[in-house]
N, C-alpha and C. Protein backbone atom coordinates (compact mmCIF):
# COMPACT_ATOMS: atom_id res chain seq x y z
N MET A 1 116.39 104.09 133.09
CA MET A 1 117.00 104.49 131.79
C MET A 1 117.08 103.28 130.94
N ASN A 2 116.71 103.23 129.82
CA ASN A 2 116.67 102.22 128.80
C ASN A 2 118.22 101.99 128.42
N GLN A 3 118.80 100.69 128.55
CA GLN A 3 120.23 100.48 128.15
C GLN A 3 120.28 100.26 126.90
N ARG A 4 121.23 100.74 126.09
CA ARG A 4 121.46 100.50 124.65
C ARG A 4 122.58 99.69 124.44
N THR A 5 122.43 98.74 123.46
CA THR A 5 123.62 97.90 123.29
C THR A 5 124.23 98.13 121.99
N LEU A 6 125.62 97.99 121.88
CA LEU A 6 126.33 98.36 120.76
C LEU A 6 126.37 97.16 119.84
N ILE A 7 126.02 97.40 118.55
CA ILE A 7 125.84 96.50 117.42
C ILE A 7 126.48 97.00 116.13
N LYS A 8 127.05 95.93 115.44
CA LYS A 8 127.85 96.27 114.08
C LYS A 8 126.62 96.33 113.03
N THR A 9 127.15 96.58 111.85
CA THR A 9 126.24 96.64 110.58
C THR A 9 125.81 95.39 110.01
N SER A 10 126.54 94.27 110.61
CA SER A 10 125.98 92.76 110.39
C SER A 10 126.28 91.93 111.67
N GLU A 11 125.21 91.20 111.84
CA GLU A 11 125.34 90.27 113.25
C GLU A 11 124.67 89.10 112.83
N LEU A 12 124.97 87.98 113.82
CA LEU A 12 124.19 86.78 113.75
C LEU A 12 122.96 86.90 114.46
N VAL A 13 121.97 86.38 114.01
CA VAL A 13 120.66 86.41 114.79
C VAL A 13 120.14 84.89 114.89
N TYR A 14 119.50 84.62 115.99
CA TYR A 14 119.05 83.37 116.28
C TYR A 14 117.51 83.40 116.55
N PHE A 15 116.88 82.37 115.83
CA PHE A 15 115.42 82.36 116.04
C PHE A 15 115.16 81.05 116.84
N PRO A 16 114.94 81.17 118.28
CA PRO A 16 114.93 79.95 118.92
C PRO A 16 113.72 78.91 118.57
N GLN A 17 112.55 79.60 118.17
CA GLN A 17 111.40 78.74 117.89
C GLN A 17 111.64 77.93 116.63
N LEU A 18 112.48 78.53 115.82
CA LEU A 18 112.70 77.89 114.52
C LEU A 18 114.06 77.17 114.37
N THR A 19 114.83 77.24 115.62
CA THR A 19 116.10 76.72 115.62
C THR A 19 116.87 77.01 114.36
N MET A 20 117.02 78.38 114.20
CA MET A 20 117.88 78.85 112.99
C MET A 20 118.69 79.97 113.44
N ILE A 21 119.91 79.98 113.05
CA ILE A 21 120.88 81.02 113.10
C ILE A 21 121.20 81.46 111.70
N ALA A 22 121.12 82.84 111.60
CA ALA A 22 121.32 83.46 110.18
C ALA A 22 122.13 84.65 110.45
N PRO A 23 122.93 85.13 109.44
CA PRO A 23 123.48 86.55 109.27
C PRO A 23 122.36 87.47 108.91
N ALA A 24 122.64 88.63 109.64
CA ALA A 24 121.65 89.81 109.45
C ALA A 24 122.28 91.05 109.09
N ARG A 25 121.79 91.69 108.23
CA ARG A 25 122.22 93.24 107.99
C ARG A 25 121.47 94.10 108.68
N ILE A 26 122.04 95.01 109.42
CA ILE A 26 121.37 96.00 110.31
C ILE A 26 121.27 97.28 109.44
N ASP A 27 120.01 97.52 109.25
CA ASP A 27 119.73 98.69 108.27
C ASP A 27 118.83 99.81 108.98
N THR A 28 119.54 100.91 109.31
CA THR A 28 118.64 101.95 109.92
C THR A 28 117.89 102.74 109.10
N GLY A 29 117.97 102.46 107.63
CA GLY A 29 117.17 103.08 106.77
C GLY A 29 115.69 102.26 106.55
N ALA A 30 115.78 101.04 106.91
CA ALA A 30 114.66 100.28 106.63
C ALA A 30 113.64 100.38 107.95
N TYR A 31 112.52 100.44 107.83
CA TYR A 31 111.64 100.46 109.02
C TYR A 31 111.24 99.16 109.53
N HIS A 32 110.78 98.22 108.74
CA HIS A 32 110.52 96.81 109.11
C HIS A 32 111.70 96.00 109.02
N SER A 33 111.62 95.03 109.77
CA SER A 33 112.68 93.76 109.73
C SER A 33 112.13 92.72 108.71
N ALA A 34 112.88 91.89 108.19
CA ALA A 34 112.60 90.98 107.13
C ALA A 34 113.31 89.76 107.19
N VAL A 35 112.80 88.66 106.72
CA VAL A 35 113.46 87.30 106.71
C VAL A 35 113.19 86.74 105.38
N TRP A 36 114.12 86.15 104.83
CA TRP A 36 114.05 85.34 103.67
C TRP A 36 113.18 84.22 103.86
N ALA A 37 111.96 84.21 102.96
CA ALA A 37 111.03 83.21 103.00
C ALA A 37 110.51 82.80 101.70
N SER A 38 110.44 81.59 101.50
CA SER A 38 109.95 80.96 100.21
C SER A 38 108.63 80.19 100.33
N ASP A 39 108.00 79.85 99.25
CA ASP A 39 106.89 79.00 99.33
C ASP A 39 105.75 79.55 100.25
N ILE A 40 105.67 80.78 100.32
CA ILE A 40 104.64 81.60 101.18
C ILE A 40 103.25 81.18 100.64
N ARG A 41 102.31 80.83 101.47
CA ARG A 41 100.99 80.68 101.01
C ARG A 41 99.97 80.94 102.19
N LYS A 42 98.78 81.27 101.95
CA LYS A 42 97.84 81.41 102.95
C LYS A 42 96.81 80.40 102.78
N GLU A 43 96.45 79.56 103.76
CA GLU A 43 95.53 78.44 103.68
C GLU A 43 94.84 78.28 105.01
N ASN A 44 93.53 78.30 104.89
CA ASN A 44 92.67 78.00 106.14
C ASN A 44 93.03 78.88 107.40
N GLY A 45 93.20 80.26 106.92
CA GLY A 45 93.51 81.26 107.93
C GLY A 45 94.93 81.18 108.72
N ARG A 46 95.79 80.38 107.96
CA ARG A 46 97.18 80.25 108.37
C ARG A 46 98.00 80.70 107.20
N ILE A 47 99.29 81.25 107.73
CA ILE A 47 100.42 81.58 106.74
C ILE A 47 101.43 80.54 106.80
N TYR A 48 101.55 79.86 105.75
CA TYR A 48 102.62 78.84 105.70
C TYR A 48 103.87 79.39 104.85
N PHE A 49 105.13 78.82 105.33
CA PHE A 49 106.29 79.46 104.68
C PHE A 49 107.52 78.48 105.03
N LYS A 50 108.49 78.65 104.15
CA LYS A 50 109.84 77.97 104.47
C LYS A 50 110.81 79.10 104.55
N LEU A 51 111.75 78.83 105.48
CA LEU A 51 112.75 79.84 105.69
C LEU A 51 113.97 79.75 104.58
N LEU A 52 114.28 80.68 104.16
CA LEU A 52 115.31 80.75 103.10
C LEU A 52 114.77 80.18 101.82
N GLY A 53 115.67 79.81 100.95
CA GLY A 53 115.37 79.11 99.68
C GLY A 53 116.25 78.12 99.37
N PRO A 54 116.05 77.35 98.30
CA PRO A 54 116.84 76.23 97.99
C PRO A 54 118.30 76.54 97.73
N LYS A 55 118.54 77.96 97.34
CA LYS A 55 119.82 78.35 96.88
C LYS A 55 120.81 78.67 98.05
N SER A 56 120.00 78.51 99.22
CA SER A 56 120.79 78.92 100.50
C SER A 56 121.44 77.69 101.11
N VAL A 57 122.63 77.62 101.55
CA VAL A 57 123.19 76.54 102.23
C VAL A 57 122.59 76.31 103.63
N LEU A 58 121.86 77.27 104.17
CA LEU A 58 121.21 77.06 105.54
C LEU A 58 119.86 76.51 105.25
N TYR A 59 119.48 76.33 104.03
CA TYR A 59 118.02 76.08 103.67
C TYR A 59 117.73 74.47 104.10
N THR A 60 116.61 74.29 104.74
CA THR A 60 116.31 73.02 105.47
C THR A 60 115.09 72.53 104.58
N GLY A 61 114.27 73.15 104.02
CA GLY A 61 112.95 72.75 103.61
C GLY A 61 111.90 72.57 104.55
N GLN A 62 112.33 72.83 105.76
CA GLN A 62 111.20 72.74 106.83
C GLN A 62 110.12 73.89 106.62
N GLU A 63 108.89 73.36 106.72
CA GLU A 63 107.79 74.31 106.50
C GLU A 63 107.28 74.84 107.92
N TYR A 64 106.95 76.18 108.15
CA TYR A 64 106.50 76.64 109.27
C TYR A 64 105.22 77.36 109.14
N TYR A 65 104.41 77.59 109.92
CA TYR A 65 103.10 78.38 109.86
C TYR A 65 102.98 79.26 111.12
N SER A 66 102.01 80.11 110.78
CA SER A 66 101.56 81.23 111.82
C SER A 66 100.13 81.36 111.73
N ASP A 67 99.42 81.28 112.89
CA ASP A 67 97.90 81.56 112.81
C ASP A 67 97.76 83.12 113.01
N THR A 68 98.68 83.88 113.42
CA THR A 68 98.57 85.26 113.49
C THR A 68 99.58 85.90 112.57
N TYR A 69 98.93 86.80 111.83
CA TYR A 69 99.74 87.64 110.84
C TYR A 69 99.14 88.98 110.31
N ARG A 70 99.82 89.68 109.86
CA ARG A 70 99.31 90.96 109.35
C ARG A 70 99.84 91.16 107.88
N ILE A 71 99.24 92.11 107.16
CA ILE A 71 99.63 92.41 105.82
C ILE A 71 100.15 93.82 106.01
N VAL A 72 101.53 94.06 105.55
CA VAL A 72 101.92 95.33 105.68
C VAL A 72 102.53 95.84 104.22
N SER A 73 102.35 97.19 104.05
CA SER A 73 102.79 97.69 102.79
C SER A 73 104.31 98.15 102.93
N ILE A 74 105.14 97.78 102.18
CA ILE A 74 106.53 98.12 102.33
C ILE A 74 106.92 99.00 101.03
N LYS A 75 107.60 99.98 101.35
CA LYS A 75 108.26 100.80 100.21
C LYS A 75 109.76 100.54 100.16
N ASN A 76 110.19 100.18 98.99
CA ASN A 76 111.68 99.80 98.81
C ASN A 76 112.36 101.25 98.41
N SER A 77 113.69 101.00 98.29
CA SER A 77 114.57 102.22 98.00
C SER A 77 114.20 103.00 96.72
N PHE A 78 113.59 102.29 95.85
CA PHE A 78 113.19 102.91 94.51
C PHE A 78 111.71 103.44 94.51
N GLY A 79 111.15 103.33 95.79
CA GLY A 79 109.80 104.04 95.89
C GLY A 79 108.71 103.17 95.55
N HIS A 80 108.98 101.90 95.12
CA HIS A 80 107.91 100.88 94.86
C HIS A 80 107.18 100.32 96.18
N ARG A 81 106.00 100.12 96.11
CA ARG A 81 105.32 99.54 97.19
C ARG A 81 105.01 97.96 96.97
N GLU A 82 105.14 97.32 97.94
CA GLU A 82 104.87 95.88 98.01
C GLU A 82 104.04 95.50 99.28
N LYS A 83 103.12 94.49 99.04
CA LYS A 83 102.41 94.02 100.27
C LYS A 83 103.19 92.76 100.81
N ARG A 84 103.27 92.60 101.99
CA ARG A 84 104.06 91.28 102.54
C ARG A 84 103.29 91.05 103.88
N TYR A 85 103.34 89.67 103.96
CA TYR A 85 102.94 88.96 105.29
C TYR A 85 103.93 89.31 106.32
N CYS A 86 103.35 89.54 107.59
CA CYS A 86 104.18 89.92 108.58
C CYS A 86 103.81 89.10 109.81
N VAL A 87 104.73 88.26 110.39
CA VAL A 87 104.47 87.28 111.52
C VAL A 87 105.03 87.64 112.67
N PRO A 88 104.59 87.28 113.78
CA PRO A 88 105.25 87.41 115.09
C PRO A 88 106.20 86.35 115.32
N ILE A 89 107.45 86.65 115.81
CA ILE A 89 108.77 85.70 115.94
C ILE A 89 109.58 86.13 117.17
N LEU A 90 109.99 85.13 117.83
CA LEU A 90 111.04 85.44 118.79
C LEU A 90 112.43 85.42 118.19
N MET A 91 113.18 86.36 118.41
CA MET A 91 114.52 86.61 117.90
C MET A 91 115.41 86.94 119.01
N LYS A 92 116.70 86.53 118.88
CA LYS A 92 117.69 86.77 119.84
C LYS A 92 118.83 87.46 119.11
N ILE A 93 119.33 88.60 119.49
CA ILE A 93 120.38 89.27 118.86
C ILE A 93 121.18 90.00 119.92
N CYS A 94 122.48 89.72 119.89
CA CYS A 94 123.43 90.30 120.79
C CYS A 94 122.96 89.95 122.35
N ASN A 95 122.72 88.56 122.46
CA ASN A 95 122.25 88.11 123.73
C ASN A 95 120.98 88.89 124.39
N ARG A 96 120.18 89.43 123.67
CA ARG A 96 118.90 90.02 123.90
C ARG A 96 117.70 89.49 123.12
N LYS A 97 116.56 89.10 123.89
CA LYS A 97 115.57 88.35 123.02
C LYS A 97 114.48 89.40 122.93
N PHE A 98 113.82 89.21 121.82
CA PHE A 98 112.75 90.13 121.36
C PHE A 98 111.59 89.32 120.88
N ASN A 99 110.45 89.75 121.16
CA ASN A 99 109.33 89.08 120.53
C ASN A 99 108.89 90.30 119.52
N MET A 100 108.83 90.05 118.16
CA MET A 100 108.72 90.98 117.22
C MET A 100 107.99 90.57 115.92
N TRP A 101 107.66 91.51 115.19
CA TRP A 101 106.90 91.18 113.98
C TRP A 101 107.94 91.33 112.84
N ILE A 102 107.93 90.39 112.00
CA ILE A 102 108.95 90.27 110.93
C ILE A 102 108.22 89.88 109.58
N THR A 103 108.67 90.69 108.45
CA THR A 103 108.07 90.53 107.15
C THR A 103 108.67 89.25 106.45
N LEU A 104 107.69 88.64 105.75
CA LEU A 104 108.40 87.43 104.90
C LEU A 104 108.61 88.03 103.57
N ALA A 105 109.76 87.82 103.18
CA ALA A 105 110.44 88.55 101.82
C ALA A 105 111.25 87.68 101.04
N ASN A 106 111.26 87.73 99.66
CA ASN A 106 112.22 87.11 98.87
C ASN A 106 113.33 87.97 98.92
N ARG A 107 114.49 87.36 99.56
CA ARG A 107 115.66 87.96 99.79
C ARG A 107 116.85 87.17 99.18
N GLU A 108 116.34 86.37 98.02
CA GLU A 108 117.35 85.50 97.27
C GLU A 108 118.37 86.16 96.75
N ASN A 109 118.25 87.48 96.18
CA ASN A 109 119.33 88.25 95.63
C ASN A 109 120.14 89.02 96.57
N GLN A 110 119.78 89.11 97.77
CA GLN A 110 120.55 89.82 98.89
C GLN A 110 121.61 89.04 99.53
N LYS A 111 122.54 89.83 100.09
CA LYS A 111 123.69 89.16 100.67
C LYS A 111 123.25 88.63 102.03
N PHE A 112 122.47 89.26 102.73
CA PHE A 112 121.98 88.69 103.97
C PHE A 112 120.49 88.33 104.00
N PRO A 113 120.28 86.99 104.58
CA PRO A 113 118.99 86.47 104.51
C PRO A 113 117.92 87.38 105.45
N VAL A 114 118.49 87.94 106.44
CA VAL A 114 117.85 88.62 107.39
C VAL A 114 118.15 90.15 107.42
N LEU A 115 117.09 91.02 107.46
CA LEU A 115 117.30 92.43 107.68
C LEU A 115 116.63 92.96 108.83
N ILE A 116 117.40 93.63 109.75
CA ILE A 116 116.91 94.23 110.95
C ILE A 116 116.69 95.68 110.63
N GLY A 117 115.43 96.22 110.91
CA GLY A 117 115.10 97.53 110.55
C GLY A 117 115.05 98.33 111.87
N ARG A 118 114.76 99.71 111.70
CA ARG A 118 114.94 100.57 112.83
C ARG A 118 113.77 100.48 113.78
N LYS A 119 112.71 99.95 113.44
CA LYS A 119 111.52 99.54 114.49
C LYS A 119 112.10 98.89 115.71
N LEU A 120 112.87 97.76 115.22
CA LEU A 120 113.50 97.05 116.40
C LEU A 120 114.55 97.73 117.12
N LEU A 121 115.39 98.38 116.29
CA LEU A 121 116.71 98.97 116.88
C LEU A 121 116.37 100.26 117.70
N LYS A 122 115.34 100.91 117.39
CA LYS A 122 115.05 102.23 118.24
C LYS A 122 115.18 102.19 119.64
N ASN A 123 115.87 103.00 120.33
CA ASN A 123 116.04 102.89 121.80
C ASN A 123 116.49 101.61 122.44
N ARG A 124 117.19 100.73 121.59
CA ARG A 124 117.60 99.48 122.12
C ARG A 124 119.15 99.27 121.60
N PHE A 125 119.53 99.71 120.63
CA PHE A 125 120.83 99.54 119.95
C PHE A 125 121.41 100.92 119.52
N VAL A 126 122.83 100.88 119.47
CA VAL A 126 123.65 101.83 118.87
C VAL A 126 124.17 101.26 117.95
N VAL A 127 124.18 101.63 116.64
CA VAL A 127 124.81 101.04 115.50
C VAL A 127 126.11 101.44 115.30
N LEU A 128 127.22 100.68 115.12
CA LEU A 128 128.55 101.22 115.06
C LEU A 128 128.84 101.19 113.49
N PRO A 129 129.58 102.44 112.96
CA PRO A 129 129.87 102.41 111.65
C PRO A 129 130.80 101.27 111.18
């Protein structure tokens, strides 16, 4: 039987490969997970990006890249569709590690730089109110 972990509506998440810890909003209404990324560009078959943005106290300006990526269509709460790059990443949440796909999004105006969606949550976590 799959053991489920209790999780709050906000948690700290750790990205070991990127050596970054960030607060995350747990959103059972969102399907995909997202991380705030800036300066996103595709060049020579790679996706380049910086985590967060200059307005964040956690912003380092460090550029990352991924040779593996997808393009996904995301529908926001207003019904508008947007295409985003989605990259594989290792993430640790509540002492559990996951290799997952996460979308690169402009979350500059959001309270939390990371959003965890139900694709990751399903059969793994129980979200506490």
